[in-house]
Amino acid sequence: MRTARVPLMGVRDEYQFSRIGPVIALLLIEALRDPFARRKIDALEMSWILETNTGMNNMLERIGAEPYKRYRLYEKQI
């Protein structure tokens, strides 16, 4: 299995909650498909996506992405 990782991805603040924001993100993902296919990359990790980022999570779900890891931060007074 050959994998790649996209550590950070986003759109400018002015587009985040507009109709064009998800389109921009989806176009970026689509633009990566051919170069990754040429390199025979068959798994892609999109990391650091907050659970509260419903727009990004919905888009990734629509293209068939599945969460496989969760990071948690806990706080405790000492």
N, C-alpha and C. Protein backbone atom coordinates (compact mmCIF):
# COMPACT_ATOMS: atom_id res chain seq x y z
N MET A 1 0.85 -1.18 0.00
CA MET A 1 0.00 0.00 0.00
C MET A 1 0.89 1.24 0.00
N ARG A 2 0.59 2.16 -0.87
CA ARG A 2 1.31 3.44 -0.92
C ARG A 2 0.35 4.52 -0.44
N THR A 3 0.82 5.34 0.48
CA THR A 3 -0.04 6.35 1.08
C THR A 3 0.56 7.74 0.94
N ALA A 4 -0.31 8.73 1.09
CA ALA A 4 0.09 10.13 1.10
C ALA A 4 -0.71 10.82 2.20
N ARG A 5 -0.22 11.97 2.61
CA ARG A 5 -0.89 12.70 3.68
C ARG A 5 -1.04 14.16 3.29
N VAL A 6 -2.23 14.69 3.50
CA VAL A 6 -2.49 16.11 3.31
C VAL A 6 -2.65 16.68 4.72
N PRO A 7 -1.60 17.31 5.27
CA PRO A 7 -1.67 17.75 6.66
C PRO A 7 -2.61 18.92 6.91
N LEU A 8 -2.71 19.83 5.97
CA LEU A 8 -3.57 21.00 6.15
C LEU A 8 -4.24 21.34 4.83
N MET A 9 -5.51 21.66 4.92
CA MET A 9 -6.23 22.08 3.73
C MET A 9 -7.35 22.99 4.18
N GLY A 10 -7.61 24.02 3.43
CA GLY A 10 -8.69 24.91 3.80
C GLY A 10 -8.92 25.94 2.72
N VAL A 11 -9.90 26.77 2.96
CA VAL A 11 -10.21 27.87 2.05
C VAL A 11 -10.16 29.17 2.86
N ARG A 12 -10.01 30.25 2.16
CA ARG A 12 -9.95 31.56 2.83
C ARG A 12 -11.21 31.81 3.65
N ASP A 13 -11.03 32.60 4.70
CA ASP A 13 -12.15 32.90 5.60
C ASP A 13 -13.38 33.40 4.86
N GLU A 14 -13.17 34.26 3.87
CA GLU A 14 -14.34 34.85 3.19
C GLU A 14 -15.15 33.83 2.40
N TYR A 15 -14.56 32.65 2.12
CA TYR A 15 -15.27 31.61 1.37
C TYR A 15 -15.77 30.47 2.24
N GLN A 16 -15.35 30.43 3.51
CA GLN A 16 -15.64 29.27 4.35
C GLN A 16 -17.12 28.94 4.46
N PHE A 17 -17.95 29.89 4.70
CA PHE A 17 -19.36 29.60 4.90
C PHE A 17 -20.22 30.03 3.71
N SER A 18 -19.58 30.12 2.55
CA SER A 18 -20.31 30.46 1.33
C SER A 18 -20.55 29.18 0.53
N ARG A 19 -21.30 29.30 -0.52
CA ARG A 19 -21.56 28.13 -1.38
C ARG A 19 -20.31 27.71 -2.15
N ILE A 20 -19.39 28.62 -2.37
CA ILE A 20 -18.20 28.31 -3.16
C ILE A 20 -17.13 27.60 -2.33
N GLY A 21 -17.15 27.74 -1.01
CA GLY A 21 -16.13 27.13 -0.15
C GLY A 21 -15.98 25.63 -0.34
N PRO A 22 -17.06 24.85 -0.22
CA PRO A 22 -16.94 23.40 -0.43
C PRO A 22 -16.53 23.05 -1.85
N VAL A 23 -16.93 23.87 -2.81
CA VAL A 23 -16.57 23.61 -4.21
C VAL A 23 -15.05 23.74 -4.38
N ILE A 24 -14.47 24.77 -3.77
CA ILE A 24 -13.02 24.96 -3.85
C ILE A 24 -12.29 23.77 -3.24
N ALA A 25 -12.73 23.33 -2.07
CA ALA A 25 -12.10 22.18 -1.41
C ALA A 25 -12.23 20.92 -2.25
N LEU A 26 -13.40 20.70 -2.82
CA LEU A 26 -13.62 19.52 -3.65
C LEU A 26 -12.77 19.57 -4.92
N LEU A 27 -12.64 20.74 -5.52
CA LEU A 27 -11.78 20.88 -6.71
C LEU A 27 -10.32 20.57 -6.38
N LEU A 28 -9.88 20.96 -5.20
CA LEU A 28 -8.51 20.65 -4.79
C LEU A 28 -8.33 19.14 -4.66
N ILE A 29 -9.28 18.48 -4.03
CA ILE A 29 -9.20 17.02 -3.89
C ILE A 29 -9.21 16.35 -5.26
N GLU A 30 -10.07 16.82 -6.14
CA GLU A 30 -10.13 16.25 -7.49
C GLU A 30 -8.82 16.47 -8.24
N ALA A 31 -8.20 17.64 -8.04
CA ALA A 31 -6.93 17.93 -8.71
C ALA A 31 -5.81 17.00 -8.24
N LEU A 32 -5.93 16.47 -7.04
CA LEU A 32 -4.91 15.56 -6.51
C LEU A 32 -5.07 14.13 -7.01
N ARG A 33 -6.26 13.77 -7.47
CA ARG A 33 -6.52 12.38 -7.86
C ARG A 33 -5.56 11.85 -8.93
N ASP A 34 -5.40 12.56 -10.03
CA ASP A 34 -4.54 12.08 -11.12
C ASP A 34 -3.07 11.97 -10.72
N PRO A 35 -2.49 13.02 -10.10
CA PRO A 35 -1.09 12.87 -9.68
C PRO A 35 -0.89 11.71 -8.69
N PHE A 36 -1.84 11.51 -7.79
CA PHE A 36 -1.71 10.40 -6.85
C PHE A 36 -1.87 9.07 -7.55
N ALA A 37 -2.77 8.99 -8.51
CA ALA A 37 -2.96 7.74 -9.26
C ALA A 37 -1.71 7.40 -10.06
N ARG A 38 -1.07 8.40 -10.66
CA ARG A 38 0.17 8.15 -11.41
C ARG A 38 1.27 7.61 -10.50
N ARG A 39 1.27 8.02 -9.26
CA ARG A 39 2.28 7.53 -8.30
C ARG A 39 1.81 6.26 -7.59
N LYS A 40 0.68 5.73 -8.01
CA LYS A 40 0.10 4.51 -7.45
C LYS A 40 -0.20 4.63 -5.95
N ILE A 41 -0.61 5.82 -5.54
CA ILE A 41 -1.01 6.05 -4.15
C ILE A 41 -2.46 5.60 -4.01
N ASP A 42 -2.69 4.67 -3.10
CA ASP A 42 -4.03 4.12 -2.97
C ASP A 42 -4.72 4.48 -1.66
N ALA A 43 -4.06 5.23 -0.80
CA ALA A 43 -4.68 5.69 0.44
C ALA A 43 -4.19 7.11 0.73
N LEU A 44 -5.12 7.95 1.15
CA LEU A 44 -4.80 9.35 1.42
C LEU A 44 -5.30 9.70 2.81
N GLU A 45 -4.45 10.29 3.61
CA GLU A 45 -4.85 10.72 4.95
C GLU A 45 -5.06 12.22 4.95
N MET A 46 -6.23 12.62 5.38
CA MET A 46 -6.56 14.04 5.56
C MET A 46 -6.61 14.26 7.07
N SER A 47 -5.61 14.89 7.62
CA SER A 47 -5.53 14.95 9.08
C SER A 47 -5.94 16.30 9.62
N TRP A 48 -6.08 16.33 10.92
CA TRP A 48 -6.39 17.52 11.70
C TRP A 48 -7.70 18.18 11.28
N ILE A 49 -8.73 17.40 11.13
CA ILE A 49 -10.05 17.93 10.81
C ILE A 49 -10.91 17.83 12.06
N LEU A 50 -11.35 18.97 12.56
CA LEU A 50 -12.14 18.96 13.79
C LEU A 50 -13.47 18.26 13.58
N GLU A 51 -13.94 17.60 14.63
CA GLU A 51 -15.25 16.94 14.55
C GLU A 51 -16.36 17.96 14.34
N THR A 52 -16.14 19.19 14.77
CA THR A 52 -17.15 20.24 14.62
C THR A 52 -17.13 20.88 13.23
N ASN A 53 -16.17 20.51 12.40
CA ASN A 53 -16.08 21.04 11.04
C ASN A 53 -17.01 20.22 10.14
N THR A 54 -18.30 20.46 10.29
CA THR A 54 -19.29 19.63 9.59
C THR A 54 -19.19 19.77 8.07
N GLY A 55 -18.85 20.94 7.58
CA GLY A 55 -18.74 21.12 6.13
C GLY A 55 -17.70 20.20 5.53
N MET A 56 -16.52 20.19 6.11
CA MET A 56 -15.43 19.35 5.60
C MET A 56 -15.75 17.87 5.83
N ASN A 57 -16.27 17.54 7.00
CA ASN A 57 -16.59 16.14 7.28
C ASN A 57 -17.68 15.61 6.35
N ASN A 58 -18.68 16.43 6.05
CA ASN A 58 -19.73 16.01 5.12
C ASN A 58 -19.17 15.79 3.72
N MET A 59 -18.30 16.70 3.29
CA MET A 59 -17.72 16.57 1.96
C MET A 59 -16.88 15.29 1.86
N LEU A 60 -16.06 15.04 2.87
CA LEU A 60 -15.22 13.84 2.85
C LEU A 60 -16.06 12.57 2.88
N GLU A 61 -17.15 12.61 3.63
CA GLU A 61 -18.05 11.45 3.67
C GLU A 61 -18.66 11.20 2.29
N ARG A 62 -19.01 12.27 1.58
CA ARG A 62 -19.61 12.13 0.25
C ARG A 62 -18.66 11.50 -0.76
N ILE A 63 -17.35 11.71 -0.59
CA ILE A 63 -16.41 11.11 -1.54
C ILE A 63 -15.91 9.75 -1.06
N GLY A 64 -16.50 9.25 0.03
CA GLY A 64 -16.18 7.89 0.48
C GLY A 64 -15.08 7.79 1.52
N ALA A 65 -14.64 8.91 2.07
CA ALA A 65 -13.60 8.87 3.10
C ALA A 65 -14.18 8.34 4.41
N GLU A 66 -13.36 7.60 5.13
CA GLU A 66 -13.78 7.04 6.42
C GLU A 66 -12.78 7.44 7.49
N PRO A 67 -13.28 7.94 8.63
CA PRO A 67 -12.35 8.25 9.72
C PRO A 67 -11.75 6.96 10.28
N TYR A 68 -10.45 6.98 10.53
CA TYR A 68 -9.82 5.78 11.08
C TYR A 68 -9.04 6.08 12.35
N LYS A 69 -8.92 7.35 12.69
CA LYS A 69 -8.16 7.73 13.87
C LYS A 69 -8.75 9.02 14.43
N ARG A 70 -8.77 9.13 15.75
CA ARG A 70 -9.22 10.36 16.39
C ARG A 70 -8.17 10.80 17.40
N TYR A 71 -7.93 12.08 17.42
CA TYR A 71 -7.03 12.66 18.41
C TYR A 71 -7.89 13.37 19.44
N ARG A 72 -7.52 13.24 20.68
CA ARG A 72 -8.26 13.91 21.75
C ARG A 72 -7.29 14.71 22.62
N LEU A 73 -7.75 15.83 23.09
CA LEU A 73 -7.00 16.63 24.06
C LEU A 73 -7.83 16.70 25.32
N TYR A 74 -7.20 16.44 26.43
CA TYR A 74 -7.87 16.50 27.72
C TYR A 74 -7.14 17.49 28.60
N GLU A 75 -7.88 18.05 29.52
CA GLU A 75 -7.29 19.02 30.43
C GLU A 75 -7.62 18.62 31.85
N LYS A 76 -6.62 18.75 32.72
CA LYS A 76 -6.84 18.45 34.12
C LYS A 76 -5.97 19.39 34.95
N GLN A 77 -6.57 20.00 35.93
CA GLN A 77 -5.83 20.87 36.84
C GLN A 77 -4.95 20.01 37.73
N ILE A 78 -3.71 20.46 37.92
CA ILE A 78 -2.82 19.72 38.83
C ILE A 78 -2.32 20.62 39.93
